[in-house]
Protein backbone atom coordinates (compact mmCIF):
# COMPACT_ATOMS: atom_id res chain seq x y z
CA MET A 1 -40.01 -112.84 78.36
CA SER A 2 -42.16 -115.50 80.29
CA SER A 3 -40.04 -118.16 82.21
CA VAL A 4 -43.04 -120.82 81.15
CA GLU A 5 -41.61 -120.47 77.59
CA PRO A 6 -39.87 -123.89 77.60
CA ILE A 7 -35.87 -123.33 76.69
CA ALA A 8 -35.32 -126.36 73.99
CA VAL A 9 -32.01 -127.52 75.18
CA VAL A 10 -30.26 -130.28 72.48
CA GLY A 11 -28.23 -133.11 73.82
CA GLY A 12 -28.81 -135.63 76.95
CA GLY A 13 -25.57 -135.85 78.65
CA ILE A 14 -24.05 -134.66 81.28
CA GLY A 15 -24.09 -130.95 80.37
CA GLY A 16 -27.69 -130.89 79.01
CA LEU A 17 -28.71 -132.53 82.17
CA ALA A 18 -26.38 -129.99 84.17
CA ALA A 19 -28.48 -126.97 82.01
CA ALA A 20 -32.08 -128.46 82.17
CA LEU A 21 -31.14 -128.96 86.57
CA ALA A 22 -30.26 -125.53 86.75
CA LEU A 23 -32.93 -123.73 84.67
CA GLY A 24 -35.86 -125.91 86.38
CA ARG A 25 -34.39 -125.24 90.06
CA ALA A 26 -34.51 -121.62 88.90
CA GLY A 27 -38.39 -121.62 88.29
CA ASN A 28 -37.99 -122.19 84.00
CA ALA A 29 -39.93 -124.85 81.96
CA VAL A 30 -37.21 -127.09 79.80
CA ASN A 31 -37.41 -129.35 76.54
CA LEU A 32 -34.49 -131.97 76.83
CA TYR A 33 -34.10 -133.34 73.69
CA GLU A 34 -31.79 -136.98 73.65
CA GLN A 35 -30.87 -138.46 70.33
CA ALA A 36 -30.01 -141.96 71.80
CA ASP A 37 -33.34 -144.02 72.96
CA ALA A 38 -32.05 -143.48 76.17
CA PHE A 39 -30.19 -141.07 78.60
CA SER A 40 -27.09 -143.27 79.11
CA GLU A 41 -23.23 -142.32 79.11
CA ALA A 42 -20.94 -144.46 77.31
CA GLY A 43 -17.37 -144.57 79.89
CA ALA A 44 -15.29 -144.92 83.24
CA GLY A 45 -14.01 -143.04 85.61
CA ILE A 46 -14.48 -139.14 85.56
CA GLY A 47 -12.70 -136.40 87.87
CA LEU A 48 -15.00 -133.44 89.60
CA GLY A 49 -12.77 -131.52 90.95
CA PRO A 50 -13.93 -128.34 93.96
CA ASN A 51 -14.95 -126.50 91.54
CA ALA A 52 -17.61 -128.61 90.06
CA MET A 53 -18.89 -130.28 92.89
CA ARG A 54 -19.49 -127.08 94.77
CA VAL A 55 -22.02 -126.38 91.76
CA LEU A 56 -23.35 -130.10 91.95
CA GLN A 57 -23.45 -129.84 96.81
CA ALA A 58 -25.80 -126.65 95.45
CA TRP A 59 -28.27 -128.34 93.50
CA GLY A 60 -28.70 -130.80 96.06
CA LEU A 61 -26.41 -133.73 94.58
CA GLY A 62 -22.90 -133.66 97.29
CA PRO A 63 -25.17 -137.08 99.52
CA SER A 64 -25.50 -138.72 96.45
CA LEU A 65 -22.32 -137.89 94.86
CA GLN A 66 -20.29 -138.81 97.75
CA GLU A 67 -21.53 -142.41 98.35
CA ALA A 68 -21.47 -143.07 94.44
CA GLY A 69 -17.90 -142.21 94.37
CA CYS A 70 -14.66 -141.92 96.24
CA ALA A 71 -12.83 -138.71 97.57
CA PRO A 72 -9.38 -139.63 96.67
CA GLN A 73 -6.39 -138.60 99.42
CA ARG A 74 -3.75 -138.25 97.30
CA LEU A 75 -2.42 -137.43 94.02
CA ILE A 76 1.08 -139.14 93.81
CA ALA A 77 2.92 -138.41 89.92
CA ARG A 78 5.61 -141.14 89.21
CA HIS A 79 7.93 -141.71 86.68
CA ALA A 80 6.58 -144.33 84.18
CA ASP A 81 9.48 -145.93 83.04
CA ASN A 82 11.07 -146.78 87.05
CA GLY A 83 8.24 -146.28 89.69
CA ARG A 84 10.25 -143.14 91.22
CA ILE A 85 8.15 -140.26 92.56
CA VAL A 86 7.93 -137.03 91.64
CA GLY A 87 5.54 -135.14 93.69
CA GLN A 88 2.61 -135.62 95.54
CA LEU A 89 -0.03 -133.18 96.13
CA PRO A 90 -2.29 -133.87 99.76
CA MET A 91 -6.26 -134.02 98.27
CA GLY A 92 -8.73 -135.10 100.80
CA GLN A 93 -9.91 -133.14 103.98
CA SER A 94 -7.09 -130.09 102.30
CA PHE A 95 -8.72 -129.69 99.66
CA ILE A 96 -12.54 -129.23 101.51
CA THR A 97 -10.66 -127.28 103.81
CA ALA A 98 -8.90 -125.05 101.21
CA TYR A 99 -12.08 -125.01 98.75
CA GLY A 100 -15.13 -125.87 100.64
CA ALA A 101 -15.63 -128.64 98.51
CA PRO A 102 -13.76 -132.15 97.85
CA TYR A 103 -12.48 -133.98 94.66
CA LEU A 104 -14.69 -137.15 93.60
CA THR A 105 -14.17 -139.48 91.36
CA VAL A 106 -16.91 -141.05 89.55
CA HIS A 107 -18.39 -143.27 87.39
CA ARG A 108 -19.80 -141.00 84.35
CA ALA A 109 -22.75 -143.02 84.37
CA ASP A 110 -23.46 -142.56 88.44
CA LEU A 111 -23.22 -138.66 87.60
CA GLN A 112 -25.14 -139.24 84.99
CA HIS A 113 -27.81 -141.31 86.61
CA THR A 114 -27.84 -138.42 89.68
CA LEU A 115 -28.44 -135.79 87.21
CA LEU A 116 -31.43 -137.66 85.37
CA GLY A 117 -32.56 -138.42 88.88
CA ALA A 118 -33.27 -134.80 89.93
CA VAL A 119 -34.31 -133.56 86.64
CA SER A 120 -37.12 -136.45 86.23
CA GLN A 121 -38.10 -134.88 89.33
CA GLN A 122 -38.90 -131.84 87.73
CA THR A 123 -42.51 -130.66 86.76
CA SER A 124 -40.80 -128.12 84.77
CA ALA A 125 -38.66 -130.52 82.39
CA THR A 126 -39.96 -132.43 79.76
CA LEU A 127 -37.62 -135.02 78.41
CA LEU A 128 -37.67 -136.33 75.17
CA THR A 129 -35.46 -139.37 73.82
CA HIS A 130 -35.11 -140.90 70.21
CA HIS A 131 -34.94 -136.97 68.85
CA HIS A 132 -31.68 -135.94 66.18
CA LEU A 133 -31.44 -132.89 65.40
CA SER A 134 -31.25 -132.46 61.59
CA GLY A 135 -32.07 -128.89 61.30
CA LEU A 136 -33.35 -125.23 62.31
CA VAL A 137 -36.08 -123.05 61.02
CA ASN A 138 -36.13 -119.83 61.24
CA ASP A 139 -39.71 -118.38 62.09
CA THR A 140 -41.02 -114.71 63.66
CA HIS A 141 -40.95 -116.60 67.82
CA GLY A 142 -37.68 -117.88 67.11
CA PHE A 143 -37.31 -121.17 65.88
CA GLU A 144 -39.09 -124.28 64.41
CA LEU A 145 -36.70 -127.68 65.36
CA GLN A 146 -36.33 -130.34 62.65
CA PHE A 147 -35.89 -133.82 64.22
CA LYS A 148 -34.92 -136.68 61.59
CA ASP A 149 -37.48 -138.86 61.71
CA LYS A 150 -40.24 -137.01 63.26
CA SER A 151 -42.95 -135.66 61.02
CA ASN A 152 -43.75 -132.62 63.17
CA THR A 153 -41.52 -129.27 63.99
CA TYR A 154 -40.61 -128.81 67.83
CA PRO A 155 -40.78 -124.60 68.42
CA ALA A 156 -38.11 -122.90 70.62
CA HIS A 157 -37.57 -119.24 71.46
CA ILE A 158 -33.91 -120.05 73.04
CA LEU A 159 -31.88 -122.76 72.12
CA ILE A 160 -28.91 -124.37 74.14
CA GLY A 161 -26.87 -126.99 71.71
CA ALA A 162 -24.97 -129.37 74.88
CA ASP A 163 -24.76 -131.72 71.93
CA GLY A 164 -20.85 -132.61 72.31
CA LEU A 165 -18.18 -132.53 70.27
CA HIS A 166 -19.55 -132.97 67.05
CA SER A 167 -22.69 -131.08 68.09
CA ALA A 168 -25.54 -130.44 65.45
CA VAL A 169 -26.52 -126.75 66.65
CA ARG A 170 -23.15 -126.25 66.64
CA THR A 171 -23.01 -126.86 62.51
CA THR A 172 -26.35 -125.62 61.57
CA VAL A 173 -25.56 -121.94 63.79
CA PHE A 174 -22.50 -121.37 64.19
CA ASP A 175 -19.34 -123.41 62.01
CA LYS A 176 -18.54 -126.42 60.38
CA THR A 177 -15.21 -126.18 61.03
CA PRO A 178 -14.47 -130.08 62.49
CA PRO A 179 -13.52 -130.39 65.72
CA ASN A 180 -9.14 -131.27 66.07
CA ALA A 181 -7.59 -134.77 66.50
CA SER A 182 -4.99 -134.55 68.30
CA GLY A 183 -2.93 -137.53 67.90
CA HIS A 184 -3.66 -139.02 71.28
CA TRP A 185 -5.69 -141.80 72.23
CA ALA A 186 -6.89 -143.15 75.06
CA TYR A 187 -6.88 -146.93 76.34
CA ARG A 188 -9.97 -147.29 78.82
CA ALA A 189 -10.72 -150.09 81.49
CA LEU A 190 -12.56 -150.52 84.71
CA LEU A 191 -11.47 -153.26 87.00
CA PRO A 192 -12.52 -154.81 90.08
CA MET A 193 -11.17 -153.98 92.84
CA HIS A 194 -10.23 -157.72 94.18
CA GLU A 195 -8.48 -158.39 90.77
CA VAL A 196 -6.12 -155.29 90.52
CA PRO A 197 -2.83 -155.68 92.30
CA GLN A 198 -2.20 -155.13 95.83
CA SER A 199 -0.34 -151.94 95.53
CA PHE A 200 -3.08 -150.58 93.67
CA ARG A 201 -5.61 -151.10 96.09
CA GLN A 202 -5.18 -147.54 97.21
CA MET A 203 -7.54 -144.11 97.70
CA ASP A 204 -5.39 -142.38 95.69
CA ILE A 205 -5.20 -140.88 92.34
CA GLY A 206 -2.31 -142.14 90.26
CA ILE A 207 -0.16 -140.39 87.31
CA TRP A 208 2.64 -142.56 85.91
CA MET A 209 4.37 -140.07 82.85
CA GLY A 210 6.89 -141.43 80.44
CA THR A 211 7.80 -139.90 76.99
CA ARG A 212 4.46 -139.57 74.91
CA LEU A 213 2.69 -141.54 77.38
CA HIS A 214 1.20 -141.35 80.58
CA VAL A 215 -1.06 -143.30 82.71
CA VAL A 216 -3.84 -142.31 85.32
CA HIS A 217 -5.88 -144.09 87.73
CA TYR A 218 -8.45 -143.65 90.65
CA PRO A 219 -11.28 -145.82 92.57
CA VAL A 220 -14.40 -145.37 91.96
CA ARG A 221 -18.07 -146.83 93.20
CA GLY A 222 -16.87 -146.64 96.41
CA GLY A 223 -13.57 -148.41 95.91
CA GLU A 224 -14.49 -151.43 94.58
CA PHE A 225 -13.33 -150.40 91.67
CA LEU A 226 -10.19 -148.87 89.60
CA ASN A 227 -10.74 -146.15 86.53
CA LEU A 228 -7.32 -147.20 84.54
CA VAL A 229 -6.72 -144.66 81.65
CA VAL A 230 -3.36 -144.91 79.68
CA LEU A 231 -3.24 -142.40 77.36
CA ILE A 232 -0.86 -142.68 73.77
CA GLU A 233 0.49 -140.39 71.28
CA SER A 234 0.11 -142.16 67.79
CA PRO A 235 -0.50 -139.53 65.27
CA ASN A 236 0.24 -141.47 62.26
CA GLN A 237 -3.06 -143.76 63.53
CA ALA A 238 -6.30 -143.44 61.71
CA SER A 239 -8.06 -140.48 63.74
CA GLN A 240 -12.10 -140.87 64.07
CA PRO A 241 -14.67 -139.94 66.40
CA GLY A 242 -16.50 -142.09 68.86
CA TRP A 243 -14.60 -144.86 70.94
CA ASP A 244 -13.69 -148.49 69.93
CA VAL A 245 -13.82 -147.19 66.11
CA LEU A 246 -11.88 -149.52 63.80
CA ARG A 247 -9.57 -150.48 67.20
CA SER A 248 -10.07 -154.76 67.79
CA ALA A 249 -9.27 -156.10 70.78
CA ALA A 250 -6.15 -157.77 69.20
CA GLN A 251 -4.93 -154.06 67.84
CA ILE A 252 -5.76 -152.51 71.40
CA THR A 253 -3.64 -155.01 72.97
CA GLU A 254 -0.32 -154.04 70.10
CA ASP A 255 -0.63 -150.42 70.81
CA LEU A 256 -0.36 -150.86 74.34
CA LYS A 257 2.37 -153.54 74.72
CA GLN A 258 4.15 -151.43 71.83
CA ALA A 259 3.56 -148.52 73.84
CA THR A 260 4.33 -149.45 77.49
CA HIS A 261 6.63 -152.54 77.30
CA ASN A 262 9.21 -150.04 79.43
CA THR A 263 7.62 -148.91 81.86
CA TYR A 264 7.86 -149.83 85.41
CA ALA A 265 7.31 -153.78 86.36
CA GLU A 266 4.78 -152.73 88.57
CA LEU A 267 2.49 -150.96 86.67
CA GLN A 268 2.81 -153.32 83.56
CA ASP A 269 1.44 -155.71 85.69
CA LEU A 270 -1.61 -153.00 86.26
CA ILE A 271 -1.99 -153.19 82.68
CA HIS A 272 -1.54 -156.95 81.92
CA ALA A 273 -4.53 -157.12 84.74
CA VAL A 274 -6.98 -155.85 82.25
CA ASN A 275 -9.27 -158.04 79.95
CA GLY A 276 -10.85 -155.77 78.32
CA TRP A 277 -9.98 -152.08 76.58
CA ARG A 278 -11.76 -149.25 75.19
CA ALA A 279 -9.87 -146.69 72.76
CA TRP A 280 -11.37 -143.45 72.21
CA CYS A 281 -9.03 -141.03 70.08
CA LEU A 282 -8.96 -137.84 71.21
CA PHE A 283 -10.35 -134.54 70.42
CA ASP A 284 -10.27 -130.77 70.88
CA ARG A 285 -11.05 -127.45 69.43
CA GLU A 286 -8.56 -124.14 69.73
CA PRO A 287 -9.02 -122.27 72.73
CA LEU A 288 -11.73 -120.06 72.23
CA GLU A 289 -10.79 -115.99 71.33
CA HIS A 290 -14.26 -114.40 71.67
CA PRO A 291 -17.84 -114.91 73.37
CA SER A 292 -19.10 -114.92 70.05
CA GLN A 293 -17.99 -118.52 69.71
CA MET A 294 -20.23 -119.56 72.64
CA VAL A 295 -23.46 -117.17 71.61
CA LYS A 296 -25.33 -115.98 68.39
CA GLY A 297 -28.34 -114.76 68.88
CA SER A 298 -30.86 -116.66 70.60
CA VAL A 299 -28.80 -119.85 70.38
CA ALA A 300 -25.74 -120.79 73.13
CA LEU A 301 -23.03 -124.05 72.91
CA LEU A 302 -22.82 -125.43 76.30
CA GLY A 303 -20.33 -128.16 77.78
CA ASP A 304 -18.53 -129.95 74.91
CA ALA A 305 -20.12 -128.59 72.00
CA ALA A 306 -18.70 -125.24 72.89
CA HIS A 307 -15.77 -125.90 74.13
CA PRO A 308 -14.11 -129.44 73.75
CA MET A 309 -10.55 -130.21 75.89
CA LEU A 310 -8.10 -132.93 76.15
CA PRO A 311 -8.52 -134.79 79.32
CA TYR A 312 -5.51 -133.74 80.61
CA LEU A 313 -6.74 -131.57 83.80
CA ALA A 314 -9.67 -133.65 84.43
CA GLN A 315 -12.20 -130.46 83.72
CA GLY A 316 -14.24 -131.42 80.34
CA ALA A 317 -17.39 -132.42 83.15
CA GLY A 318 -16.24 -129.74 85.21
CA MET A 319 -16.65 -127.20 83.02
CA ALA A 320 -20.29 -128.07 81.44
CA ILE A 321 -21.36 -128.19 84.97
CA GLU A 322 -20.05 -124.36 85.60
CA ASP A 323 -21.70 -123.38 81.97
CA ALA A 324 -25.08 -124.71 82.88
CA ALA A 325 -24.92 -122.84 86.59
CA CYS A 326 -23.56 -119.74 84.70
CA PHE A 327 -26.41 -119.91 82.40
CA ALA A 328 -28.85 -120.69 84.23
CA MET A 329 -27.75 -117.04 86.80
CA HIS A 330 -27.67 -114.74 83.50
CA TRP A 331 -30.60 -116.02 82.33
CA LYS A 332 -32.77 -114.71 85.51
CA ASN A 333 -32.37 -111.17 84.80
CA ALA A 334 -35.91 -110.90 83.10
CA SER A 335 -34.59 -106.91 83.00
CA LEU A 336 -32.50 -107.70 80.06
CA SER A 337 -33.57 -109.08 76.52
CA ALA A 338 -32.98 -112.76 75.75
CA GLU A 339 -30.38 -111.98 73.42
CA GLN A 340 -28.47 -110.05 76.15
CA ARG A 341 -28.77 -112.95 78.41
CA LEU A 342 -27.45 -115.33 76.43
CA LEU A 343 -24.23 -113.02 75.23
CA ASN A 344 -24.02 -112.58 79.77
CA TYR A 345 -23.35 -115.39 79.75
CA ALA A 346 -20.86 -116.39 77.28
CA GLN A 347 -19.03 -113.12 78.11
CA ALA A 348 -18.87 -114.63 81.99
CA ARG A 349 -17.53 -117.83 80.56
CA TRP A 350 -15.10 -118.13 77.62
CA GLN A 351 -11.80 -116.61 79.31
CA ARG A 352 -12.25 -119.38 81.97
CA VAL A 353 -13.27 -121.85 79.43
CA SER A 354 -9.92 -120.92 77.43
CA ARG A 355 -7.65 -121.44 80.03
CA VAL A 356 -8.76 -124.50 80.73
CA GLN A 357 -8.21 -125.55 77.00
CA GLN A 358 -4.95 -124.19 76.87
CA ARG A 359 -3.70 -125.80 80.00
CA ALA A 360 -5.17 -129.11 79.51
CA ARG A 361 -3.17 -129.15 76.11
CA ARG A 362 0.18 -127.78 78.40
CA ASN A 363 -0.41 -130.52 80.85
CA GLY A 364 -0.61 -133.17 78.28
CA GLN A 365 2.83 -131.60 76.84
CA LEU A 366 4.26 -131.97 80.52
CA PHE A 367 3.04 -135.76 81.33
CA HIS A 368 4.74 -136.88 77.92
CA ALA A 369 7.84 -134.80 77.81
CA ASP A 370 11.60 -136.05 77.48
CA GLY A 371 14.75 -134.57 77.68
CA LEU A 372 15.00 -130.44 78.85
CA LEU A 373 11.52 -130.41 79.74
CA ARG A 374 11.35 -133.38 81.54
CA LEU A 375 13.86 -132.48 83.65
CA ALA A 376 12.30 -129.17 84.47
CA ARG A 377 9.58 -130.24 85.28
CA ASP A 378 10.60 -132.89 87.33
CA THR A 379 12.87 -129.85 88.79
CA ALA A 380 9.84 -127.57 89.35
CA MET A 381 7.41 -130.24 91.26
CA LYS A 382 10.48 -131.06 92.92
CA LEU A 383 11.10 -127.23 94.00
CA GLY A 384 7.74 -126.28 94.30
CA GLY A 385 6.22 -129.45 96.02
CA ALA A 386 2.26 -129.34 96.12
CA ARG A 387 1.73 -125.62 95.67
CA TRP A 388 2.93 -126.44 92.05
CA MET A 389 0.71 -129.46 91.62
CA ASP A 390 -2.50 -127.03 93.23
CA MET A 391 -4.18 -125.49 91.25
CA PRO A 392 -6.13 -122.73 92.87
CA TRP A 393 -7.12 -120.76 90.33
CA LEU A 394 -9.34 -122.84 88.84
CA TYR A 395 -10.61 -124.66 92.01
CA GLY A 396 -11.24 -122.06 93.95
CA THR A 397 -14.42 -119.67 94.26
CA SER A 398 -12.78 -116.68 92.22
CA ASN A 399 -13.53 -117.76 88.63
């Protein structure tokens, strides 16, 4: 198969742009279809572990991301009820020494902008907005992609579904099973650092662990803003996809008040400093069990379309970026059929992403623990120290 035949990528988020960039760097033409009117990213902060940063650095994006983001010096875990420190993990230069790349915290829009800028410079990439996939028609040479409100169809020999949690590619080609509503909600906010209580103006990641909730905060945009997320188990609330779904400002304020009224005073001060919140219901899928869940014939899934996960390992974007690099690497092997190259990609990825999905769920249980599980967690963190909190299996190079 000629490298000049465009590969169709559906979805212009982080995973889709990463795939387009990786394939373009390998000399492949790509048609990237995004359903929105523009390439944009809803959300706030995001963590990029050394595993993702090594890939981004190899693509030449390290300097711009380091300028736009922050490199936290420590991860500090505390009890949400009394503020007591449970454990600390040195980051900063320690991560660069151990893993060959930093841990960065960035605004999602800055990551999206950086990827989009790099893809836009590739002459082999065609970016098409306002293309909402509605169906696929098989023909003798591949597919005809059908889009809503479009009279014409678009041919494709290879298709990558990078269209997120509610992937149209997945439901069209793989299965129509909906994702799992976790019963967890994320309340997110972005605060100018000068409005943040003084004790939180640090270049650290803070995690406050409580019963059925935890709070995460870290700096973004060169330390000018603090990203704040309150994560609450609330299984009785209506679970619907997307953000700000049926949650008014008054409802969000009441949710947070009920969930955090017994937490540490300093933490409550931080939460009360926020004037506007956005609420997300969190979804995932069962951990992958076989490569066939990522590839079917000449169609591949990537990122959240293949393996959505809870955010408790901060690896959703990282796994999508790894997927993109892995796909491009296996696609280079022109001695194999297209279907075999896609299958090799899935075989190389499914066990790793399945492990990350499982660990993300496990972290949610540990962060929200009470009783004996909380005691066991605290004891392990005390005895294991930074080694218990570090994750060489995830951040290291042998993945």
